Amino acid sequence: KEHGKSCSRRTMEYFITKTGFQMDNIVNELDKLIGYVGERPE
């Protein structure tokens, strides 16, 4: 939300199953997603 993006709860759950529970890795993967979707909010 701080970066102007969002996703459904189910999608967030799916994301966590892919990345695991280490917060540094989660942040890295979120940053990659934020950069990848560009102007698209979801």
PDB file of all heavy atoms in Angstrom:
ATOM      1  N   LYS A   1       0.827  -1.211   0.000  1.00  0.00           N
ATOM      2  CA  LYS A   1       0.000   0.000   0.000  1.00  0.00           C
ATOM      3  C   LYS A   1       0.859   1.259   0.000  1.00  0.00           C
ATOM      4  O   LYS A   1       0.539   2.251  -0.665  1.00  0.00           O
ATOM      5  CB  LYS A   1      -0.928  -0.016   1.213  1.00  0.00           C
ATOM      6  CG  LYS A   1      -1.932   1.125   1.225  1.00  0.00           C
ATOM      7  CD  LYS A   1      -2.881   1.016   2.425  1.00  0.00           C
ATOM      8  CE  LYS A   1      -3.885   2.160   2.422  1.00  0.00           C
ATOM      9  NZ  LYS A   1      -4.811   2.048   3.590  1.00  0.00           N
ATOM     10  N   GLU A   2       1.961   1.216   0.749  1.00  0.00           N
ATOM     11  CA  GLU A   2       2.880   2.358   0.801  1.00  0.00           C
ATOM     12  C   GLU A   2       3.460   2.675  -0.570  1.00  0.00           C
ATOM     13  O   GLU A   2       3.899   3.797  -0.828  1.00  0.00           O
ATOM     14  CB  GLU A   2       4.005   2.074   1.791  1.00  0.00           C
ATOM     15  CG  GLU A   2       3.561   2.084   3.249  1.00  0.00           C
ATOM     16  CD  GLU A   2       4.645   1.576   4.186  1.00  0.00           C
ATOM     17  OE1 GLU A   2       5.754   1.261   3.686  1.00  0.00           O
ATOM     18  OE2 GLU A   2       4.383   1.485   5.397  1.00  0.00           O
ATOM     19  N   HIS A   3       3.487   1.658  -1.447  1.00  0.00           N
ATOM     20  CA  HIS A   3       4.023   1.851  -2.804  1.00  0.00           C
ATOM     21  C   HIS A   3       2.909   1.912  -3.847  1.00  0.00           C
ATOM     22  O   HIS A   3       3.160   1.737  -5.046  1.00  0.00           O
ATOM     23  CB  HIS A   3       4.995   0.709  -3.139  1.00  0.00           C
ATOM     24  CG  HIS A   3       6.257   0.744  -2.320  1.00  0.00           C
ATOM     25  ND1 HIS A   3       6.319   0.253  -1.037  1.00  0.00           N
ATOM     26  CD2 HIS A   3       7.501   1.229  -2.601  1.00  0.00           C
ATOM     27  CE1 HIS A   3       7.538   0.413  -0.558  1.00  0.00           C
ATOM     28  NE2 HIS A   3       8.273   1.001  -1.473  1.00  0.00           N
ATOM     29  N   GLY A   4       1.671   2.135  -3.367  1.00  0.00           N
ATOM     30  CA  GLY A   4       0.550   2.302  -4.287  1.00  0.00           C
ATOM     31  C   GLY A   4       0.084   1.025  -4.949  1.00  0.00           C
ATOM     32  O   GLY A   4      -0.532   1.070  -6.027  1.00  0.00           O
ATOM     33  N   LYS A   5       0.346  -0.121  -4.332  1.00  0.00           N
ATOM     34  CA  LYS A   5      -0.044  -1.410  -4.913  1.00  0.00           C
ATOM     35  C   LYS A   5      -0.931  -2.170  -3.940  1.00  0.00           C
ATOM     36  O   LYS A   5      -0.972  -1.885  -2.738  1.00  0.00           O
ATOM     37  CB  LYS A   5       1.185  -2.269  -5.242  1.00  0.00           C
ATOM     38  CG  LYS A   5       2.245  -1.572  -6.078  1.00  0.00           C
ATOM     39  CD  LYS A   5       1.728  -1.164  -7.439  1.00  0.00           C
ATOM     40  CE  LYS A   5       2.805  -0.418  -8.231  1.00  0.00           C
ATOM     41  NZ  LYS A   5       2.277   0.159  -9.483  1.00  0.00           N
ATOM     42  N   SER A   6      -1.621  -3.186  -4.461  1.00  0.00           N
ATOM     43  CA  SER A   6      -2.468  -4.019  -3.620  1.00  0.00           C
ATOM     44  C   SER A   6      -2.634  -5.389  -4.262  1.00  0.00           C
ATOM     45  O   SER A   6      -2.291  -5.599  -5.429  1.00  0.00           O
ATOM     46  CB  SER A   6      -3.839  -3.364  -3.421  1.00  0.00           C
ATOM     47  OG  SER A   6      -4.535  -3.320  -4.664  1.00  0.00           O
ATOM     48  N   CYS A   7      -3.162  -6.329  -3.482  1.00  0.00           N
ATOM     49  CA  CYS A   7      -3.527  -7.636  -4.011  1.00  0.00           C
ATOM     50  C   CYS A   7      -4.549  -8.245  -3.067  1.00  0.00           C
ATOM     51  O   CYS A   7      -4.723  -7.788  -1.934  1.00  0.00           O
ATOM     52  CB  CYS A   7      -2.305  -8.550  -4.159  1.00  0.00           C
ATOM     53  SG  CYS A   7      -1.564  -9.057  -2.596  1.00  0.00           S
ATOM     54  N   SER A   8      -5.227  -9.282  -3.519  1.00  0.00           N
ATOM     55  CA  SER A   8      -6.222  -9.934  -2.671  1.00  0.00           C
ATOM     56  C   SER A   8      -5.521 -10.719  -1.565  1.00  0.00           C
ATOM     57  O   SER A   8      -4.328 -11.029  -1.660  1.00  0.00           O
ATOM     58  CB  SER A   8      -7.084 -10.886  -3.501  1.00  0.00           C
ATOM     59  OG  SER A   8      -6.306 -11.993  -3.948  1.00  0.00           O
ATOM     60  N   ARG A   9      -6.262 -11.054  -0.521  1.00  0.00           N
ATOM     61  CA  ARG A   9      -5.684 -11.836   0.576  1.00  0.00           C
ATOM     62  C   ARG A   9      -5.211 -13.190   0.059  1.00  0.00           C
ATOM     63  O   ARG A   9      -4.147 -13.668   0.436  1.00  0.00           O
ATOM     64  CB  ARG A   9      -6.705 -12.036   1.698  1.00  0.00           C
ATOM     65  CG  ARG A   9      -6.142 -12.842   2.869  1.00  0.00           C
ATOM     66  CD  ARG A   9      -7.159 -13.049   3.982  1.00  0.00           C
ATOM     67  NE  ARG A   9      -6.596 -13.877   5.032  1.00  0.00           N
ATOM     68  CZ  ARG A   9      -5.868 -13.422   6.039  1.00  0.00           C
ATOM     69  NH1 ARG A   9      -5.602 -12.139   6.125  1.00  0.00           N
ATOM     70  NH2 ARG A   9      -5.386 -14.249   6.956  1.00  0.00           N
ATOM     71  N   ARG A  10      -6.002 -13.807  -0.815  1.00  0.00           N
ATOM     72  CA  ARG A  10      -5.626 -15.116  -1.349  1.00  0.00           C
ATOM     73  C   ARG A  10      -4.327 -15.027  -2.130  1.00  0.00           C
ATOM     74  O   ARG A  10      -3.455 -15.908  -2.035  1.00  0.00           O
ATOM     75  CB  ARG A  10      -6.742 -15.670  -2.245  1.00  0.00           C
ATOM     76  CG  ARG A  10      -6.562 -17.137  -2.612  1.00  0.00           C
ATOM     77  CD  ARG A  10      -7.399 -17.512  -3.801  1.00  0.00           C
ATOM     78  NE  ARG A  10      -7.025 -16.736  -4.977  1.00  0.00           N
ATOM     79  CZ  ARG A  10      -5.945 -16.965  -5.711  1.00  0.00           C
ATOM     80  NH1 ARG A  10      -5.107 -17.930  -5.383  1.00  0.00           N
ATOM     81  NH2 ARG A  10      -5.671 -16.213  -6.753  1.00  0.00           N
ATOM     82  N   THR A  11      -4.156 -13.954  -2.909  1.00  0.00           N
ATOM     83  CA  THR A  11      -2.918 -13.764  -3.662  1.00  0.00           C
ATOM     84  C   THR A  11      -1.737 -13.541  -2.728  1.00  0.00           C
ATOM     85  O   THR A  11      -0.638 -14.048  -2.966  1.00  0.00           O
ATOM     86  CB  THR A  11      -3.067 -12.576  -4.634  1.00  0.00           C
ATOM     87  OG1 THR A  11      -4.073 -12.881  -5.598  1.00  0.00           O
ATOM     88  CG2 THR A  11      -1.761 -12.290  -5.367  1.00  0.00           C
ATOM     89  N   MET A  12      -1.957 -12.796  -1.638  1.00  0.00           N
ATOM     90  CA  MET A  12      -0.884 -12.578  -0.670  1.00  0.00           C
ATOM     91  C   MET A  12      -0.487 -13.891  -0.001  1.00  0.00           C
ATOM     92  O   MET A  12       0.702 -14.152   0.233  1.00  0.00           O
ATOM     93  CB  MET A  12      -1.320 -11.558   0.384  1.00  0.00           C
ATOM     94  CG  MET A  12      -0.239 -11.230   1.411  1.00  0.00           C
ATOM     95  SD  MET A  12       1.283 -10.579   0.652  1.00  0.00           S
ATOM     96  CE  MET A  12       0.749  -8.909   0.243  1.00  0.00           C
ATOM     97  N   GLU A  13      -1.468 -14.743   0.308  1.00  0.00           N
ATOM     98  CA  GLU A  13      -1.172 -16.053   0.887  1.00  0.00           C
ATOM     99  C   GLU A  13      -0.331 -16.887  -0.085  1.00  0.00           C
ATOM    100  O   GLU A  13       0.626 -17.555   0.304  1.00  0.00           O
ATOM    101  CB  GLU A  13      -2.466 -16.779   1.227  1.00  0.00           C
ATOM    102  CG  GLU A  13      -3.227 -16.156   2.394  1.00  0.00           C
ATOM    103  CD  GLU A  13      -4.590 -16.780   2.611  1.00  0.00           C
ATOM    104  OE1 GLU A  13      -5.000 -17.628   1.782  1.00  0.00           O
ATOM    105  OE2 GLU A  13      -5.257 -16.442   3.616  1.00  0.00           O
ATOM    106  N   TYR A  14      -0.702 -16.826  -1.358  1.00  0.00           N
ATOM    107  CA  TYR A  14       0.048 -17.552  -2.380  1.00  0.00           C
ATOM    108  C   TYR A  14       1.480 -17.030  -2.473  1.00  0.00           C
ATOM    109  O   TYR A  14       2.444 -17.805  -2.572  1.00  0.00           O
ATOM    110  CB  TYR A  14      -0.661 -17.411  -3.728  1.00  0.00           C
ATOM    111  CG  TYR A  14       0.072 -18.060  -4.889  1.00  0.00           C
ATOM    112  CD1 TYR A  14       0.305 -19.438  -4.899  1.00  0.00           C
ATOM    113  CD2 TYR A  14       0.534 -17.306  -5.960  1.00  0.00           C
ATOM    114  CE1 TYR A  14       0.971 -20.038  -5.951  1.00  0.00           C
ATOM    115  CE2 TYR A  14       1.197 -17.891  -7.006  1.00  0.00           C
ATOM    116  CZ  TYR A  14       1.417 -19.256  -7.005  1.00  0.00           C
ATOM    117  OH  TYR A  14       2.092 -19.852  -8.044  1.00  0.00           O
ATOM    118  N   PHE A  15       1.625 -15.715  -2.391  1.00  0.00           N
ATOM    119  CA  PHE A  15       2.943 -15.085  -2.435  1.00  0.00           C
ATOM    120  C   PHE A  15       3.829 -15.593  -1.293  1.00  0.00           C
ATOM    121  O   PHE A  15       4.993 -15.942  -1.500  1.00  0.00           O
ATOM    122  CB  PHE A  15       2.776 -13.559  -2.363  1.00  0.00           C
ATOM    123  CG  PHE A  15       4.053 -12.802  -2.147  1.00  0.00           C
ATOM    124  CD1 PHE A  15       4.948 -12.608  -3.188  1.00  0.00           C
ATOM    125  CD2 PHE A  15       4.371 -12.280  -0.895  1.00  0.00           C
ATOM    126  CE1 PHE A  15       6.137 -11.902  -2.992  1.00  0.00           C
ATOM    127  CE2 PHE A  15       5.541 -11.573  -0.686  1.00  0.00           C
ATOM    128  CZ  PHE A  15       6.424 -11.396  -1.740  1.00  0.00           C
ATOM    129  N   ILE A  16       3.262 -15.661  -0.074  1.00  0.00           N
ATOM    130  CA  ILE A  16       4.036 -16.095   1.093  1.00  0.00           C
ATOM    131  C   ILE A  16       4.454 -17.556   0.963  1.00  0.00           C
ATOM    132  O   ILE A  16       5.568 -17.933   1.352  1.00  0.00           O
ATOM    133  CB  ILE A  16       3.236 -15.873   2.388  1.00  0.00           C
ATOM    134  CG1 ILE A  16       2.958 -14.381   2.614  1.00  0.00           C
ATOM    135  CG2 ILE A  16       3.973 -16.459   3.597  1.00  0.00           C
ATOM    136  CD1 ILE A  16       4.195 -13.539   2.798  1.00  0.00           C
ATOM    137  N   THR A  17       3.584 -18.387   0.387  1.00  0.00           N
ATOM    138  CA  THR A  17       3.976 -19.798   0.196  1.00  0.00           C
ATOM    139  C   THR A  17       5.127 -19.922  -0.793  1.00  0.00           C
ATOM    140  O   THR A  17       5.898 -20.877  -0.740  1.00  0.00           O
ATOM    141  CB  THR A  17       2.790 -20.651  -0.308  1.00  0.00           C
ATOM    142  OG1 THR A  17       2.355 -20.180  -1.596  1.00  0.00           O
ATOM    143  CG2 THR A  17       1.622 -20.598   0.658  1.00  0.00           C
ATOM    144  N   LYS A  18       5.258 -18.956  -1.682  1.00  0.00           N
ATOM    145  CA  LYS A  18       6.355 -18.975  -2.660  1.00  0.00           C
ATOM    146  C   LYS A  18       7.659 -18.468  -2.058  1.00  0.00           C
ATOM    147  O   LYS A  18       8.740 -18.979  -2.356  1.00  0.00           O
ATOM    148  CB  LYS A  18       6.001 -18.090  -3.863  1.00  0.00           C
ATOM    149  CG  LYS A  18       4.893 -18.628  -4.739  1.00  0.00           C
ATOM    150  CD  LYS A  18       5.405 -19.602  -5.785  1.00  0.00           C
ATOM    151  CE  LYS A  18       6.131 -18.883  -6.896  1.00  0.00           C
ATOM    152  NZ  LYS A  18       6.536 -19.804  -7.972  1.00  0.00           N
ATOM    153  N   THR A  19       7.571 -17.450  -1.205  1.00  0.00           N
ATOM    154  CA  THR A  19       8.784 -16.777  -0.730  1.00  0.00           C
ATOM    155  C   THR A  19       9.320 -17.323   0.584  1.00  0.00           C
ATOM    156  O   THR A  19      10.494 -17.153   0.885  1.00  0.00           O
ATOM    157  CB  THR A  19       8.526 -15.274  -0.529  1.00  0.00           C
ATOM    158  OG1 THR A  19       7.517 -15.101   0.477  1.00  0.00           O
ATOM    159  CG2 THR A  19       8.054 -14.621  -1.816  1.00  0.00           C
ATOM    160  N   GLY A  20       8.456 -17.954   1.389  1.00  0.00           N
ATOM    161  CA  GLY A  20       8.877 -18.338   2.725  1.00  0.00           C
ATOM    162  C   GLY A  20       8.635 -17.189   3.695  1.00  0.00           C
ATOM    163  O   GLY A  20       7.995 -16.188   3.352  1.00  0.00           O
ATOM    164  N   PHE A  21       9.160 -17.281   4.921  1.00  0.00           N
ATOM    165  CA  PHE A  21       8.767 -16.374   5.985  1.00  0.00           C
ATOM    166  C   PHE A  21       9.873 -15.435   6.447  1.00  0.00           C
ATOM    167  O   PHE A  21       9.724 -14.726   7.432  1.00  0.00           O
ATOM    168  CB  PHE A  21       8.249 -17.195   7.174  1.00  0.00           C
ATOM    169  CG  PHE A  21       7.099 -18.087   6.791  1.00  0.00           C
ATOM    170  CD1 PHE A  21       7.317 -19.428   6.486  1.00  0.00           C
ATOM    171  CD2 PHE A  21       5.824 -17.589   6.693  1.00  0.00           C
ATOM    172  CE1 PHE A  21       6.266 -20.238   6.112  1.00  0.00           C
ATOM    173  CE2 PHE A  21       4.763 -18.397   6.316  1.00  0.00           C
ATOM    174  CZ  PHE A  21       4.989 -19.729   6.024  1.00  0.00           C
ATOM    175  N   GLN A  22      11.025 -15.413   5.745  1.00  0.00           N
ATOM    176  CA  GLN A  22      12.094 -14.475   6.093  1.00  0.00           C
ATOM    177  C   GLN A  22      11.747 -13.097   5.545  1.00  0.00           C
ATOM    178  O   GLN A  22      11.566 -12.916   4.346  1.00  0.00           O
ATOM    179  CB  GLN A  22      13.431 -14.956   5.526  1.00  0.00           C
ATOM    180  CG  GLN A  22      13.912 -16.262   6.115  1.00  0.00           C
ATOM    181  CD  GLN A  22      14.213 -16.148   7.593  1.00  0.00           C
ATOM    182  OE1 GLN A  22      14.703 -15.122   8.057  1.00  0.00           O
ATOM    183  NE2 GLN A  22      13.924 -17.198   8.346  1.00  0.00           N
ATOM    184  N   MET A  23      11.689 -12.107   6.429  1.00  0.00           N
ATOM    185  CA  MET A  23      11.190 -10.793   6.022  1.00  0.00           C
ATOM    186  C   MET A  23      12.089 -10.096   5.010  1.00  0.00           C
ATOM    187  O   MET A  23      11.603  -9.367   4.149  1.00  0.00           O
ATOM    188  CB  MET A  23      10.968  -9.922   7.250  1.00  0.00           C
ATOM    189  CG  MET A  23       9.835 -10.429   8.127  1.00  0.00           C
ATOM    190  SD  MET A  23       9.537  -9.412   9.588  1.00  0.00           S
ATOM    191  CE  MET A  23       8.834  -7.954   8.850  1.00  0.00           C
ATOM    192  N   ASP A  24      13.414 -10.322   5.096  1.00  0.00           N
ATOM    193  CA  ASP A  24      14.288  -9.686   4.115  1.00  0.00           C
ATOM    194  C   ASP A  24      14.002 -10.222   2.715  1.00  0.00           C
ATOM    195  O   ASP A  24      13.992  -9.470   1.734  1.00  0.00           O
ATOM    196  CB  ASP A  24      15.759  -9.867   4.484  1.00  0.00           C
ATOM    197  CG  ASP A  24      16.148 -11.318   4.688  1.00  0.00           C
ATOM    198  OD1 ASP A  24      15.252 -12.191   4.759  1.00  0.00           O
ATOM    199  OD2 ASP A  24      17.358 -11.603   4.773  1.00  0.00           O
ATOM    200  N   ASN A  25      13.737 -11.526   2.621  1.00  0.00           N
ATOM    201  CA  ASN A  25      13.419 -12.103   1.317  1.00  0.00           C
ATOM    202  C   ASN A  25      12.059 -11.623   0.823  1.00  0.00           C
ATOM    203  O   ASN A  25      11.877 -11.345  -0.372  1.00  0.00           O
ATOM    204  CB  ASN A  25      13.434 -13.631   1.391  1.00  0.00           C
ATOM    205  CG  ASN A  25      13.200 -14.268   0.029  1.00  0.00           C
ATOM    206  OD1 ASN A  25      13.954 -14.026  -0.907  1.00  0.00           O
ATOM    207  ND2 ASN A  25      12.140 -15.036  -0.099  1.00  0.00           N
ATOM    208  N   ILE A  26      11.093 -11.500   1.740  1.00  0.00           N
ATOM    209  CA  ILE A  26       9.758 -11.011   1.362  1.00  0.00           C
ATOM    210  C   ILE A  26       9.861  -9.602   0.786  1.00  0.00           C
ATOM    211  O   ILE A  26       9.256  -9.292  -0.240  1.00  0.00           O
ATOM    212  CB  ILE A  26       8.813 -11.039   2.579  1.00  0.00           C
ATOM    213  CG1 ILE A  26       8.489 -12.501   2.945  1.00  0.00           C
ATOM    214  CG2 ILE A  26       7.518 -10.285   2.292  1.00  0.00           C
ATOM    215  CD1 ILE A  26       7.697 -12.645   4.228  1.00  0.00           C
ATOM    216  N   VAL A  27      10.634  -8.743   1.449  1.00  0.00           N
ATOM    217  CA  VAL A  27      10.795  -7.365   0.967  1.00  0.00           C
ATOM    218  C   VAL A  27      11.438  -7.355  -0.418  1.00  0.00           C
ATOM    219  O   VAL A  27      10.998  -6.623  -1.319  1.00  0.00           O
ATOM    220  CB  VAL A  27      11.642  -6.536   1.959  1.00  0.00           C
ATOM    221  CG1 VAL A  27      12.039  -5.195   1.339  1.00  0.00           C
ATOM    222  CG2 VAL A  27      10.864  -6.294   3.238  1.00  0.00           C
ATOM    223  N   ASN A  28      12.470  -8.170  -0.612  1.00  0.00           N
ATOM    224  CA  ASN A  28      13.129  -8.234  -1.922  1.00  0.00           C
ATOM    225  C   ASN A  28      12.146  -8.638  -3.018  1.00  0.00           C
ATOM    226  O   ASN A  28      12.124  -8.040  -4.108  1.00  0.00           O
ATOM    227  CB  ASN A  28      14.292  -9.226  -1.889  1.00  0.00           C
ATOM    228  CG  ASN A  28      15.463  -8.723  -1.080  1.00  0.00           C
ATOM    229  OD1 ASN A  28      15.628  -7.521  -0.894  1.00  0.00           O
ATOM    230  ND2 ASN A  28      16.289  -9.634  -0.595  1.00  0.00           N
ATOM    231  N   GLU A  29      11.324  -9.651  -2.723  1.00  0.00           N
ATOM    232  CA  GLU A  29      10.372 -10.132  -3.730  1.00  0.00           C
ATOM    233  C   GLU A  29       9.251  -9.123  -3.968  1.00  0.00           C
ATOM    234  O   GLU A  29       8.783  -8.956  -5.101  1.00  0.00           O
ATOM    235  CB  GLU A  29       9.795 -11.482  -3.299  1.00  0.00           C
ATOM    236  CG  GLU A  29      10.819 -12.607  -3.210  1.00  0.00           C
ATOM    237  CD  GLU A  29      11.513 -12.885  -4.540  1.00  0.00           C
ATOM    238  OE1 GLU A  29      10.822 -12.944  -5.572  1.00  0.00           O
ATOM    239  OE2 GLU A  29      12.748 -13.030  -4.542  1.00  0.00           O
ATOM    240  N   LEU A  30       8.813  -8.439  -2.905  1.00  0.00           N
ATOM    241  CA  LEU A  30       7.794  -7.388  -3.077  1.00  0.00           C
ATOM    242  C   LEU A  30       8.337  -6.249  -3.936  1.00  0.00           C
ATOM    243  O   LEU A  30       7.625  -5.723  -4.812  1.00  0.00           O
ATOM    244  CB  LEU A  30       7.351  -6.852  -1.716  1.00  0.00           C
ATOM    245  CG  LEU A  30       6.450  -7.758  -0.877  1.00  0.00           C
ATOM    246  CD1 LEU A  30       6.223  -7.154   0.504  1.00  0.00           C
ATOM    247  CD2 LEU A  30       5.109  -8.014  -1.561  1.00  0.00           C
ATOM    248  N   ASP A  31       9.584  -5.857  -3.708  1.00  0.00           N
ATOM    249  CA  ASP A  31      10.201  -4.792  -4.514  1.00  0.00           C
ATOM    250  C   ASP A  31      10.269  -5.190  -5.992  1.00  0.00           C
ATOM    251  O   ASP A  31      10.039  -4.360  -6.882  1.00  0.00           O
ATOM    252  CB  ASP A  31      11.599  -4.478  -3.991  1.00  0.00           C
ATOM    253  CG  ASP A  31      11.574  -3.700  -2.680  1.00  0.00           C
ATOM    254  OD1 ASP A  31      10.525  -3.106  -2.370  1.00  0.00           O
ATOM    255  OD2 ASP A  31      12.601  -3.698  -1.970  1.00  0.00           O
ATOM    256  N   LYS A  32      10.585  -6.471  -6.227  1.00  0.00           N
ATOM    257  CA  LYS A  32      10.621  -6.952  -7.619  1.00  0.00           C
ATOM    258  C   LYS A  32       9.236  -6.866  -8.255  1.00  0.00           C
ATOM    259  O   LYS A  32       9.094  -6.448  -9.413  1.00  0.00           O
ATOM    260  CB  LYS A  32      11.138  -8.395  -7.652  1.00  0.00           C
ATOM    261  CG  LYS A  32      12.644  -8.516  -7.428  1.00  0.00           C
ATOM    262  CD  LYS A  32      13.063  -9.916  -7.065  1.00  0.00           C
ATOM    263  CE  LYS A  32      12.725 -10.944  -8.112  1.00  0.00           C
ATOM    264  NZ  LYS A  32      13.227 -12.293  -7.739  1.00  0.00           N
ATOM    265  N   LEU A  33       8.202  -7.254  -7.497  1.00  0.00           N
ATOM    266  CA  LEU A  33       6.834  -7.200  -8.019  1.00  0.00           C
ATOM    267  C   LEU A  33       6.408  -5.766  -8.292  1.00  0.00           C
ATOM    268  O   LEU A  33       5.798  -5.474  -9.329  1.00  0.00           O
ATOM    269  CB  LEU A  33       5.869  -7.835  -7.008  1.00  0.00           C
ATOM    270  CG  LEU A  33       5.807  -9.359  -6.993  1.00  0.00           C
ATOM    271  CD1 LEU A  33       5.029  -9.833  -5.769  1.00  0.00           C
ATOM    272  CD2 LEU A  33       5.173  -9.892  -8.264  1.00  0.00           C
ATOM    273  N   ILE A  34       6.721  -4.864  -7.359  1.00  0.00           N
ATOM    274  CA  ILE A  34       6.346  -3.450  -7.509  1.00  0.00           C
ATOM    275  C   ILE A  34       6.981  -2.867  -8.774  1.00  0.00           C
ATOM    276  O   ILE A  34       6.329  -2.152  -9.546  1.00  0.00           O
ATOM    277  CB  ILE A  34       6.767  -2.652  -6.256  1.00  0.00           C
ATOM    278  CG1 ILE A  34       5.909  -3.061  -5.065  1.00  0.00           C
ATOM    279  CG2 ILE A  34       6.669  -1.151  -6.507  1.00  0.00           C
ATOM    280  CD1 ILE A  34       6.460  -2.619  -3.720  1.00  0.00           C
ATOM    281  N   GLY A  35       8.254  -3.192  -9.001  1.00  0.00           N
ATOM    282  CA  GLY A  35       8.921  -2.714 -10.206  1.00  0.00           C
ATOM    283  C   GLY A  35       8.376  -3.355 -11.469  1.00  0.00           C
ATOM    284  O   GLY A  35       8.266  -2.701 -12.520  1.00  0.00           O
ATOM    285  N   TYR A  36       8.000  -4.629 -11.367  1.00  0.00           N
ATOM    286  CA  TYR A  36       7.540  -5.374 -12.547  1.00  0.00           C
ATOM    287  C   TYR A  36       6.186  -4.881 -13.061  1.00  0.00           C
ATOM    288  O   TYR A  36       5.989  -4.720 -14.265  1.00  0.00           O
ATOM    289  CB  TYR A  36       7.456  -6.856 -12.199  1.00  0.00           C
ATOM    290  CG  TYR A  36       6.873  -7.708 -13.303  1.00  0.00           C
ATOM    291  CD1 TYR A  36       7.611  -7.996 -14.456  1.00  0.00           C
ATOM    292  CD2 TYR A  36       5.583  -8.225 -13.192  1.00  0.00           C
ATOM    293  CE1 TYR A  36       7.073  -8.780 -15.475  1.00  0.00           C
ATOM    294  CE2 TYR A  36       5.043  -9.007 -14.202  1.00  0.00           C
ATOM    295  CZ  TYR A  36       5.790  -9.280 -15.335  1.00  0.00           C
ATOM    296  OH  TYR A  36       5.249 -10.061 -16.340  1.00  0.00           O
ATOM    297  N   VAL A  37       5.223  -4.617 -12.138  1.00  0.00           N
ATOM    298  CA  VAL A  37       3.875  -4.248 -12.597  1.00  0.00           C
ATOM    299  C   VAL A  37       3.800  -2.800 -13.077  1.00  0.00           C
ATOM    300  O   VAL A  37       2.818  -2.412 -13.708  1.00  0.00           O
ATOM    301  CB  VAL A  37       2.828  -4.491 -11.482  1.00  0.00           C
ATOM    302  CG1 VAL A  37       2.800  -5.959 -11.086  1.00  0.00           C
ATOM    303  CG2 VAL A  37       3.099  -3.621 -10.255  1.00  0.00           C
ATOM    304  N   GLY A  38       4.822  -1.993 -12.768  1.00  0.00           N
ATOM    305  CA  GLY A  38       4.842  -0.616 -13.271  1.00  0.00           C
ATOM    306  C   GLY A  38       3.713   0.221 -12.705  1.00  0.00           C
ATOM    307  O   GLY A  38       3.530   0.300 -11.497  1.00  0.00           O
ATOM    308  N   GLU A  39       2.916   0.821 -13.591  1.00  0.00           N
ATOM    309  CA  GLU A  39       1.828   1.700 -13.166  1.00  0.00           C
ATOM    310  C   GLU A  39       0.583   0.930 -12.746  1.00  0.00           C
ATOM    311  O   GLU A  39      -0.329   1.497 -12.138  1.00  0.00           O
ATOM    312  CB  GLU A  39       1.458   2.664 -14.308  1.00  0.00           C
ATOM    313  CG  GLU A  39       2.585   3.607 -14.725  1.00  0.00           C
ATOM    314  CD  GLU A  39       3.014   4.506 -13.575  1.00  0.00           C
ATOM    315  OE1 GLU A  39       2.130   5.003 -12.850  1.00  0.00           O
ATOM    316  OE2 GLU A  39       4.234   4.680 -13.388  1.00  0.00           O
ATOM    317  N   ARG A  40       0.504  -0.337 -13.068  1.00  0.00           N
ATOM    318  CA  ARG A  40      -0.677  -1.140 -12.718  1.00  0.00           C
ATOM    319  C   ARG A  40      -0.763  -1.285 -11.195  1.00  0.00           C
ATOM    320  O   ARG A  40       0.202  -1.695 -10.555  1.00  0.00           O
ATOM    321  CB  ARG A  40      -0.601  -2.490 -13.411  1.00  0.00           C
ATOM    322  CG  ARG A  40      -1.748  -3.434 -13.084  1.00  0.00           C
ATOM    323  CD  ARG A  40      -1.928  -4.506 -14.167  1.00  0.00           C
ATOM    324  NE  ARG A  40      -0.668  -5.148 -14.504  1.00  0.00           N
ATOM    325  CZ  ARG A  40      -0.183  -6.225 -13.873  1.00  0.00           C
ATOM    326  NH1 ARG A  40      -0.838  -6.744 -12.851  1.00  0.00           N
ATOM    327  NH2 ARG A  40       0.953  -6.769 -14.269  1.00  0.00           N
ATOM    328  N   PRO A  41      -1.948  -1.010 -10.596  1.00  0.00           N
ATOM    329  CA  PRO A  41      -2.033  -1.005  -9.134  1.00  0.00           C
ATOM    330  C   PRO A  41      -2.169  -2.378  -8.484  1.00  0.00           C
ATOM    331  O   PRO A  41      -1.777  -2.552  -7.336  1.00  0.00           O
ATOM    332  CB  PRO A  41      -3.283  -0.156  -8.857  1.00  0.00           C
ATOM    333  CG  PRO A  41      -4.134  -0.337 -10.077  1.00  0.00           C
ATOM    334  CD  PRO A  41      -3.181  -0.473 -11.226  1.00  0.00           C
ATOM    335  N   GLU A  42      -2.740  -3.348  -9.191  1.00  0.00           N
ATOM    336  CA  GLU A  42      -3.027  -4.639  -8.554  1.00  0.00           C
ATOM    337  C   GLU A  42      -2.048  -5.724  -8.986  1.00  0.00           C
ATOM    338  O   GLU A  42      -1.722  -5.864 -10.167  1.00  0.00           O
ATOM    339  CB  GLU A  42      -4.456  -5.097  -8.863  1.00  0.00           C
ATOM    340  CG  GLU A  42      -4.841  -6.348  -8.083  1.00  0.00           C
ATOM    341  CD  GLU A  42      -6.313  -6.699  -8.216  1.00  0.00           C
ATOM    342  OE1 GLU A  42      -7.032  -5.969  -8.921  1.00  0.00           O
ATOM    343  OE2 GLU A  42      -6.730  -7.695  -7.620  1.00  0.00           O
TER     344      GLU A  42
END
